[in-house]
């Protein structure tokens, strides 16, 4: 890829055209000129029909690939996209393989702009999501009472699936608006609620808009243990909150979660910072299912990876972390391996509840510094006909920056 500041000026061979449901009628003069001059026009079948592409038209391959566009390099080529090609469109995928002088874009109003204009919603106050090729679980950690959401959907059938999902997570009272074929003569929008959804004949392209009626998940670290699938092997809520504070997630950082158990720490790490990712290592195969289920339930399957194996052997050839959490399976061999192989600046946080692990972490603190913390938690519970304190095992936590 050439530097955009030093690349020589050349005539673009590729034009990205944003297209609405009104087809040619809504295009600018520049878009019309590019279409007229194109040798090849690439887009979805619906888009190709809207501009009467004829023999020049090539539908996108299934599964989606940018290969046909790259194969047309140097020829006059047009790519058709819905609305704005750089908002949940093909533009971002294409530019990974193009130089700055290869292309020019003529966007149209995005589907989100059309939806907001129909509803009278401020876009800056609205969560806009592309769920046409992503699981609805991506919504779960983002919703709270009053959250305003517009999302793209795969097809008409997906509208009923979204309504059922919202109902399943306690958002059944949310008002739901379906917006079909926006921007053209057949545009339509209909209102219902998620729980009472019974609409039929939903036509694509379709979007959904809703205002969340339920409270949603807590946005603070230390979510309730009941939010997670687990077999009892889980970092309990108060200790998890302390642990996330020590891990200090930052935007785009990667975590190694060693001895993951249920994966609850990995889930909370990913929820805490935009683009944060985690690899969870667990020696017991039967616990991997819970880790993967929790990743899916929180819409994090694309940001969490669960790997079976015992550290340090399983760590070989894994992408380097910014931070490491040892929640189980701590040993002198593991600490030595991490200290010798991790680059300077990597943060390490280790929790221990056994006397052996406590001794190990005390020795590590003496050798490498950092912070050593002992946390003792007690919870009120029944004691005969009265109440008393039930004490959990004390947790020793060592945190240090390599």
Protein backbone atom coordinates (compact mmCIF):
# COMPACT_ATOMS: atom_id res chain seq x y z
CA UNK A 1 0.00 0.00 0.00
CA UNK A 2 1.41 3.39 -0.87
CA UNK A 3 1.55 6.43 1.41
CA UNK A 4 -1.48 8.69 0.65
CA UNK A 5 0.75 11.77 1.10
CA UNK A 6 3.35 10.70 -1.46
CA UNK A 7 1.36 8.52 -3.90
CA UNK A 8 1.28 9.87 -7.47
CA UNK A 9 -2.05 11.20 -8.74
CA UNK A 10 -3.87 8.72 -10.95
CA UNK A 11 -7.36 8.23 -12.29
CA UNK A 12 -9.42 5.89 -10.05
CA UNK A 13 -10.52 2.70 -11.75
CA UNK A 14 -13.09 1.83 -9.05
CA UNK A 15 -16.18 3.85 -8.09
CA UNK A 16 -18.21 2.98 -5.00
CA UNK A 17 -21.80 4.14 -5.44
CA UNK A 18 -24.31 4.37 -2.62
CA UNK A 19 -27.70 3.33 -3.88
CA UNK A 20 -31.18 3.85 -2.46
CA UNK A 21 -34.44 2.02 -3.08
CA UNK A 22 -35.35 4.65 -5.70
CA UNK A 23 -32.52 3.35 -7.90
CA UNK A 24 -31.27 5.57 -10.74
CA UNK A 25 -33.65 8.37 -9.81
CA UNK A 26 -31.76 9.12 -6.60
CA UNK A 27 -28.23 9.12 -8.05
CA UNK A 28 -26.06 12.20 -8.51
CA UNK A 29 -24.65 13.19 -11.90
CA UNK A 30 -21.24 11.86 -10.85
CA UNK A 31 -22.72 8.46 -10.01
CA UNK A 32 -24.65 8.32 -13.27
CA UNK A 33 -21.51 9.16 -15.27
CA UNK A 34 -19.53 6.42 -13.50
CA UNK A 35 -22.28 3.88 -14.22
CA UNK A 36 -22.43 4.87 -17.88
CA UNK A 37 -18.66 4.45 -18.28
CA UNK A 38 -18.36 1.20 -16.30
CA UNK A 39 -17.20 -2.00 -17.96
CA UNK A 40 -18.13 -4.03 -14.88
CA UNK A 41 -20.85 -3.37 -12.26
CA UNK A 42 -20.69 -5.45 -9.08
CA UNK A 43 -23.40 -5.58 -6.42
CA UNK A 44 -26.21 -7.61 -4.94
CA UNK A 45 -28.89 -8.89 -7.34
CA UNK A 46 -31.37 -6.28 -6.04
CA UNK A 47 -28.89 -3.45 -6.64
CA UNK A 48 -28.06 -4.68 -10.12
CA UNK A 49 -31.76 -4.72 -11.00
CA UNK A 50 -32.26 -1.19 -9.65
CA UNK A 51 -29.70 0.24 -12.12
CA UNK A 52 -30.49 -2.10 -15.05
CA UNK A 53 -26.89 -3.39 -15.07
CA UNK A 54 -27.62 -5.95 -17.77
CA UNK A 55 -24.67 -7.94 -19.12
CA UNK A 56 -22.19 -5.73 -17.27
CA UNK A 57 -23.60 -6.82 -13.92
CA UNK A 58 -21.84 -9.32 -11.65
CA UNK A 59 -23.50 -10.37 -8.37
CA UNK A 60 -21.37 -10.71 -5.24
CA UNK A 61 -20.20 -14.28 -4.68
CA UNK A 62 -21.66 -16.32 -1.80
CA UNK A 63 -19.97 -16.40 0.67
CA UNK A 64 -19.00 -12.75 0.27
CA UNK A 65 -15.59 -12.05 -1.25
CA UNK A 66 -13.91 -8.99 -2.72
CA UNK A 67 -12.10 -11.16 -5.29
CA UNK A 68 -14.25 -10.08 -8.30
CA UNK A 69 -13.44 -6.42 -7.62
CA UNK A 70 -9.72 -7.04 -7.26
CA UNK A 71 -9.77 -9.12 -10.46
CA UNK A 72 -11.15 -6.04 -12.28
CA UNK A 73 -8.20 -3.86 -11.22
CA UNK A 74 -7.35 -1.33 -13.93
CA UNK A 75 -10.73 -1.57 -15.69
CA UNK A 76 -13.61 0.84 -15.20
CA UNK A 77 -15.50 -0.84 -12.35
CA UNK A 78 -18.47 0.23 -10.22
CA UNK A 79 -19.43 -1.35 -6.89
CA UNK A 80 -22.99 -0.77 -5.71
CA UNK A 81 -23.75 -0.57 -1.99
CA UNK A 82 -26.75 0.40 0.11
CA UNK A 83 -26.60 4.05 1.17
CA UNK A 84 -23.17 4.87 2.58
CA UNK A 85 -20.59 2.26 1.47
CA UNK A 86 -18.52 2.97 4.59
CA UNK A 87 -21.20 2.38 7.20
CA UNK A 88 -21.73 -1.39 7.48
CA UNK A 89 -21.08 -1.54 3.72
CA UNK A 90 -18.54 -3.06 1.35
CA UNK A 91 -16.23 -0.04 1.43
CA UNK A 92 -14.26 -1.03 4.51
CA UNK A 93 -13.69 -4.58 3.26
CA UNK A 94 -12.48 -3.39 -0.14
CA UNK A 95 -10.04 -0.75 1.06
CA UNK A 96 -7.79 -3.28 2.79
CA UNK A 97 -6.51 -4.28 -0.65
CA UNK A 98 -6.60 -0.94 -2.49
CA UNK A 99 -4.31 2.07 -2.81
CA UNK A 100 -5.71 5.57 -2.16
CA UNK A 101 -5.65 6.49 -5.86
CA UNK A 102 -7.59 3.38 -6.90
CA UNK A 103 -11.04 4.46 -5.85
CA UNK A 104 -13.59 7.21 -5.39
CA UNK A 105 -16.86 7.04 -3.44
CA UNK A 106 -20.25 8.67 -4.01
CA UNK A 107 -22.32 7.91 -0.90
CA UNK A 108 -26.07 8.25 -0.55
CA UNK A 109 -27.96 8.72 2.74
CA UNK A 110 -27.31 5.66 4.89
CA UNK A 111 -30.13 3.38 5.95
CA UNK A 112 -29.60 4.66 9.51
CA UNK A 113 -30.11 8.25 8.34
CA UNK A 114 -33.28 7.25 6.51
CA UNK A 115 -34.57 5.39 9.56
CA UNK A 116 -33.79 8.27 11.93
CA UNK A 117 -35.54 10.70 9.57
CA UNK A 118 -38.61 8.47 9.50
CA UNK A 119 -38.72 8.15 13.28
CA UNK A 120 -37.62 11.68 14.15
CA UNK A 121 -34.72 10.35 16.25
CA UNK A 122 -31.40 12.12 16.81
CA UNK A 123 -28.68 9.87 15.39
CA UNK A 124 -26.18 11.10 17.97
CA UNK A 125 -28.45 9.71 20.70
CA UNK A 126 -29.06 6.40 18.93
CA UNK A 127 -27.12 3.14 18.98
CA UNK A 128 -26.69 2.05 15.34
CA UNK A 129 -25.76 -1.60 14.82
CA UNK A 130 -25.27 -3.87 11.82
CA UNK A 131 -26.99 -7.11 12.85
CA UNK A 132 -27.58 -8.41 9.33
CA UNK A 133 -24.57 -10.73 9.76
CA UNK A 134 -24.04 -10.70 13.53
CA UNK A 135 -25.80 -12.40 16.47
CA UNK A 136 -28.50 -10.53 18.36
CA UNK A 137 -26.53 -11.23 21.55
CA UNK A 138 -24.36 -8.23 20.61
CA UNK A 139 -27.27 -6.16 21.95
CA UNK A 140 -27.38 -7.65 25.44
CA UNK A 141 -24.56 -5.73 27.18
CA UNK A 142 -25.51 -2.46 25.46
CA UNK A 143 -29.15 -2.15 26.47
CA UNK A 144 -30.64 -0.23 29.36
CA UNK A 145 -34.03 1.31 29.98
CA UNK A 146 -34.52 4.07 27.41
CA UNK A 147 -31.72 2.93 25.08
CA UNK A 148 -32.62 3.93 21.51
CA UNK A 149 -31.48 1.38 18.90
CA UNK A 150 -31.59 1.12 15.11
CA UNK A 151 -30.21 -2.08 13.58
CA UNK A 152 -30.01 -3.70 10.18
CA UNK A 153 -31.52 -7.17 9.79
CA UNK A 154 -30.65 -10.10 7.54
CA UNK A 155 -34.14 -10.46 6.03
CA UNK A 156 -37.81 -10.36 6.89
CA UNK A 157 -37.70 -13.56 8.95
CA UNK A 158 -35.01 -12.06 11.18
CA UNK A 159 -37.51 -9.47 12.46
CA UNK A 160 -39.50 -12.14 14.30
CA UNK A 161 -36.24 -13.63 15.59
CA UNK A 162 -35.18 -10.25 16.98
CA UNK A 163 -38.54 -9.81 18.72
CA UNK A 164 -38.21 -13.25 20.31
CA UNK A 165 -34.66 -12.50 21.45
CA UNK A 166 -35.61 -9.16 23.03
CA UNK A 167 -38.45 -10.89 24.87
CA UNK A 168 -36.08 -13.61 26.13
CA UNK A 169 -33.75 -11.06 27.76
CA UNK A 170 -36.49 -9.13 29.55
CA UNK A 171 -37.12 -6.50 26.87
CA UNK A 172 -40.49 -7.78 25.71
CA UNK A 173 -42.28 -4.50 26.48
CA UNK A 174 -39.95 -2.58 24.18
CA UNK A 175 -41.75 -0.75 21.38
CA UNK A 176 -40.51 -2.19 18.07
CA UNK A 177 -40.74 -0.46 14.68
CA UNK A 178 -39.98 -2.31 11.45
CA UNK A 179 -38.77 -0.12 8.58
CA UNK A 180 -38.95 -1.77 5.16
CA UNK A 181 -37.51 -0.67 1.82
CA UNK A 182 -36.70 2.83 3.03
CA UNK A 183 -35.96 5.54 0.49
CA UNK A 184 -38.13 4.18 -2.30
CA UNK A 185 -41.75 4.12 -3.45
CA UNK A 186 -42.51 0.94 -1.47
CA UNK A 187 -41.20 2.20 1.88
CA UNK A 188 -43.25 1.13 4.89
CA UNK A 189 -42.91 1.20 8.66
CA UNK A 190 -45.03 -0.65 11.20
CA UNK A 191 -45.11 -0.58 14.99
CA UNK A 192 -45.62 -3.30 17.59
CA UNK A 193 -43.90 -4.52 20.74
CA UNK A 194 -41.33 -7.29 20.97
CA UNK A 195 -43.58 -9.54 23.07
CA UNK A 196 -46.69 -9.08 20.90
CA UNK A 197 -44.90 -9.31 17.54
CA UNK A 198 -47.18 -10.82 14.88
CA UNK A 199 -46.25 -8.93 11.69
CA UNK A 200 -46.15 -10.81 8.39
CA UNK A 201 -44.94 -10.19 4.83
CA UNK A 202 -41.87 -8.28 6.01
CA UNK A 203 -39.90 -7.13 2.96
CA UNK A 204 -36.14 -6.68 2.71
CA UNK A 205 -34.16 -4.55 3.01
CA UNK A 206 -35.48 -4.18 6.52
CA UNK A 207 -34.36 -2.45 9.69
CA UNK A 208 -35.64 -2.55 13.25
CA UNK A 209 -35.82 0.31 15.70
CA UNK A 210 -36.75 0.07 19.37
CA UNK A 211 -36.49 1.79 22.72
CA UNK A 212 -35.46 -0.67 25.42
CA UNK A 213 -38.06 -0.97 28.18
CA UNK A 214 -36.08 -3.13 30.60
CA UNK A 215 -33.12 -2.18 32.82
CA UNK A 216 -30.56 -4.41 31.07
CA UNK A 217 -27.26 -5.54 32.55
CA UNK A 218 -25.18 -3.61 35.03
CA UNK A 219 -22.47 -1.58 33.32
CA UNK A 220 -20.06 -2.00 36.26
CA UNK A 221 -17.53 -4.79 36.67
CA UNK A 222 -18.67 -7.53 39.04
CA UNK A 223 -21.91 -8.61 37.40
CA UNK A 224 -24.06 -11.12 39.29
CA UNK A 225 -22.80 -14.71 39.27
CA UNK A 226 -26.23 -15.77 37.98
CA UNK A 227 -25.49 -13.97 34.68
CA UNK A 228 -22.93 -16.67 33.84
CA UNK A 229 -23.15 -20.38 33.07
CA UNK A 230 -20.80 -22.17 35.50
CA UNK A 231 -20.29 -25.36 37.49
CA UNK A 232 -19.31 -23.51 40.66
CA UNK A 233 -15.83 -22.73 39.38
CA UNK A 234 -16.24 -18.99 38.95
CA UNK A 235 -14.47 -15.93 40.30
CA UNK A 236 -17.21 -14.66 42.60
CA UNK A 237 -18.74 -11.24 42.01
CA UNK A 238 -16.92 -9.14 44.67
CA UNK A 239 -13.52 -10.69 43.89
CA UNK A 240 -14.19 -10.36 40.15
CA UNK A 241 -14.79 -6.64 40.60
CA UNK A 242 -11.48 -6.29 42.48
CA UNK A 243 -9.76 -8.37 39.81
CA UNK A 244 -11.07 -6.24 36.92
CA UNK A 245 -9.86 -3.15 38.74
CA UNK A 246 -6.38 -4.66 38.95
CA UNK A 247 -6.43 -5.87 35.34
CA UNK A 248 -7.34 -2.33 34.21
CA UNK A 249 -8.71 -3.12 30.70
CA UNK A 250 -7.95 -0.58 27.99
CA UNK A 251 -9.26 -0.08 24.46
CA UNK A 252 -8.09 -2.79 22.05
CA UNK A 253 -6.01 -4.74 24.57
CA UNK A 254 -5.67 -8.53 24.66
CA UNK A 255 -5.95 -10.70 27.78
CA UNK A 256 -4.64 -14.17 28.56
CA UNK A 257 -7.05 -15.69 31.11
CA UNK A 258 -5.23 -18.74 32.49
CA UNK A 259 -7.39 -21.26 34.34
CA UNK A 260 -10.54 -19.67 32.97
CA UNK A 261 -13.18 -21.79 34.76
CA UNK A 262 -16.39 -20.19 33.46
CA UNK A 263 -14.65 -17.42 31.51
CA UNK A 264 -16.39 -14.75 33.61
CA UNK A 265 -13.23 -12.63 33.93
CA UNK A 266 -12.68 -12.78 30.15
CA UNK A 267 -16.29 -11.72 29.56
CA UNK A 268 -16.00 -8.76 31.92
CA UNK A 269 -12.63 -7.78 30.43
CA UNK A 270 -14.14 -7.63 26.92
CA UNK A 271 -17.19 -5.70 28.12
CA UNK A 272 -15.04 -3.15 29.93
CA UNK A 273 -13.19 -1.69 26.94
CA UNK A 274 -14.04 -1.18 23.27
CA UNK A 275 -12.31 -3.75 21.07
CA UNK A 276 -10.74 -5.63 23.99
CA UNK A 277 -10.19 -9.35 23.28
CA UNK A 278 -9.36 -12.41 25.38
CA UNK A 279 -7.94 -15.89 25.03
CA UNK A 280 -9.14 -18.17 27.83
CA UNK A 281 -7.05 -21.24 28.67
CA UNK A 282 -8.74 -24.06 30.58
CA UNK A 283 -7.25 -27.47 31.36
CA UNK A 284 -10.64 -29.20 31.82
CA UNK A 285 -12.47 -29.93 28.58
CA UNK A 286 -15.88 -30.05 30.31
CA UNK A 287 -15.56 -26.37 31.28
CA UNK A 288 -14.86 -25.13 27.76
CA UNK A 289 -18.57 -25.44 26.91
CA UNK A 290 -19.48 -22.95 29.67
CA UNK A 291 -16.77 -20.52 28.55
CA UNK A 292 -18.01 -20.61 24.96
CA UNK A 293 -21.65 -20.36 26.04
CA UNK A 294 -20.89 -17.26 28.13
CA UNK A 295 -18.99 -15.70 25.24
CA UNK A 296 -21.97 -16.30 22.95
CA UNK A 297 -24.59 -15.14 25.48
CA UNK A 298 -22.83 -11.81 25.91
CA UNK A 299 -22.30 -11.34 22.16
CA UNK A 300 -18.53 -11.80 22.51
CA UNK A 301 -17.88 -14.95 20.48
CA UNK A 302 -15.95 -12.84 17.96
CA UNK A 303 -13.70 -11.40 20.69
CA UNK A 304 -13.15 -14.41 22.98
CA UNK A 305 -11.27 -17.62 22.17
CA UNK A 306 -11.35 -20.66 24.47
CA UNK A 307 -8.45 -23.13 24.28
CA UNK A 308 -8.07 -26.43 26.12
CA UNK A 309 -4.69 -27.00 27.74
CA UNK A 310 -2.48 -26.46 30.73
CA UNK A 311 -0.15 -23.50 31.06
CA UNK A 312 2.65 -22.85 30.38
CA UNK A 313 2.72 -25.49 27.59
CA UNK A 314 -0.52 -24.27 25.96
CA UNK A 315 0.77 -20.70 25.70
CA UNK A 316 3.23 -21.45 22.91
CA UNK A 317 2.57 -19.61 19.64
CA UNK A 318 -0.37 -17.65 21.07
CA UNK A 319 -0.76 -13.93 20.22
CA UNK A 320 1.09 -11.85 22.80
CA UNK A 321 -1.11 -10.38 25.57
CA UNK A 322 -1.18 -6.92 27.06
CA UNK A 323 -2.33 -8.40 30.34
CA UNK A 324 -2.36 -11.86 31.98
CA UNK A 325 -4.77 -13.14 34.62
CA UNK A 326 -4.00 -16.34 36.53
CA UNK A 327 -7.18 -17.53 38.13
CA UNK A 328 -6.22 -21.18 38.50
CA UNK A 329 -3.31 -23.50 37.95
CA UNK A 330 -0.67 -21.08 39.23
CA UNK A 331 2.79 -22.58 39.66
CA UNK A 332 6.39 -21.47 39.96
CA UNK A 333 7.03 -22.87 36.47
CA UNK A 334 4.21 -20.72 35.04
CA UNK A 335 5.33 -17.53 36.78
CA UNK A 336 8.94 -18.11 35.66
CA UNK A 337 7.80 -18.73 32.08
CA UNK A 338 5.71 -15.56 32.00
CA UNK A 339 8.46 -13.42 33.50
CA UNK A 340 11.02 -14.74 31.03
CA UNK A 341 8.90 -14.58 27.86
CA UNK A 342 6.51 -11.64 28.20
CA UNK A 343 7.67 -8.25 26.95
CA UNK A 344 8.24 -5.35 29.33
CA UNK A 345 5.04 -3.47 30.12
CA UNK A 346 2.81 -6.58 30.29
CA UNK A 347 0.55 -6.56 33.34
CA UNK A 348 0.16 -9.73 35.42
CA UNK A 349 -2.58 -10.35 37.99
CA UNK A 350 -2.80 -13.63 39.92
CA UNK A 351 -5.40 -14.77 42.48
CA UNK A 352 -4.90 -17.59 44.96
CA UNK A 353 -6.99 -19.21 47.71
CA UNK A 354 -4.79 -22.14 48.82
CA UNK A 355 -1.90 -21.88 51.26
CA UNK A 356 0.43 -23.14 48.55
CA UNK A 357 -0.64 -20.48 46.05
CA UNK A 358 -0.54 -17.79 48.77
CA UNK A 359 3.08 -18.73 49.51
CA UNK A 360 3.90 -18.71 45.78
CA UNK A 361 2.44 -15.21 45.33
CA UNK A 362 4.20 -13.88 48.45
CA UNK A 363 7.51 -15.12 47.06
CA UNK A 364 6.75 -13.58 43.65
CA UNK A 365 6.02 -10.25 45.33
CA UNK A 366 9.30 -10.44 47.23
CA UNK A 367 11.21 -11.19 44.01
CA UNK A 368 9.48 -8.88 41.51
CA UNK A 369 7.61 -6.25 43.51
CA UNK A 370 4.16 -5.06 42.55
CA UNK A 371 1.18 -5.06 44.88
CA UNK A 372 0.05 -7.83 47.22
CA UNK A 373 -3.55 -7.75 48.42
CA UNK A 374 -5.51 -10.02 50.73
CA UNK A 375 -9.31 -9.81 50.50
CA UNK A 376 -11.70 -11.44 52.95
CA UNK A 377 -15.41 -11.38 52.13
CA UNK A 378 -18.27 -12.38 54.43
CA UNK A 379 -21.93 -12.59 53.51
CA UNK A 380 -24.90 -12.58 55.85
CA UNK A 381 -26.74 -15.89 55.98
CA UNK A 382 -29.03 -17.99 58.21
CA UNK A 383 -27.62 -19.24 61.52
CA UNK A 384 -30.32 -21.33 63.09
CA UNK A 385 -33.31 -19.06 63.51
CA UNK A 386 -31.07 -15.99 63.37
CA UNK A 387 -28.42 -14.68 61.01
CA UNK A 388 -24.64 -14.74 60.96
CA UNK A 389 -21.66 -14.05 58.75
CA UNK A 390 -20.59 -16.78 56.32
CA UNK A 391 -16.97 -16.16 55.40
CA UNK A 392 -15.58 -17.05 51.99
CA UNK A 393 -12.01 -18.27 51.68
CA UNK A 394 -9.59 -15.34 51.75
CA UNK A 395 -8.15 -14.43 48.34
CA UNK A 396 -4.57 -13.28 47.90
CA UNK A 397 -3.95 -11.19 44.80
CA UNK A 398 -0.61 -10.27 43.33
CA UNK A 399 -0.46 -7.66 40.57
CA UNK A 400 2.64 -6.39 38.83
CA UNK A 401 3.80 -4.83 35.58
CA UNK A 402 6.56 -6.84 33.91
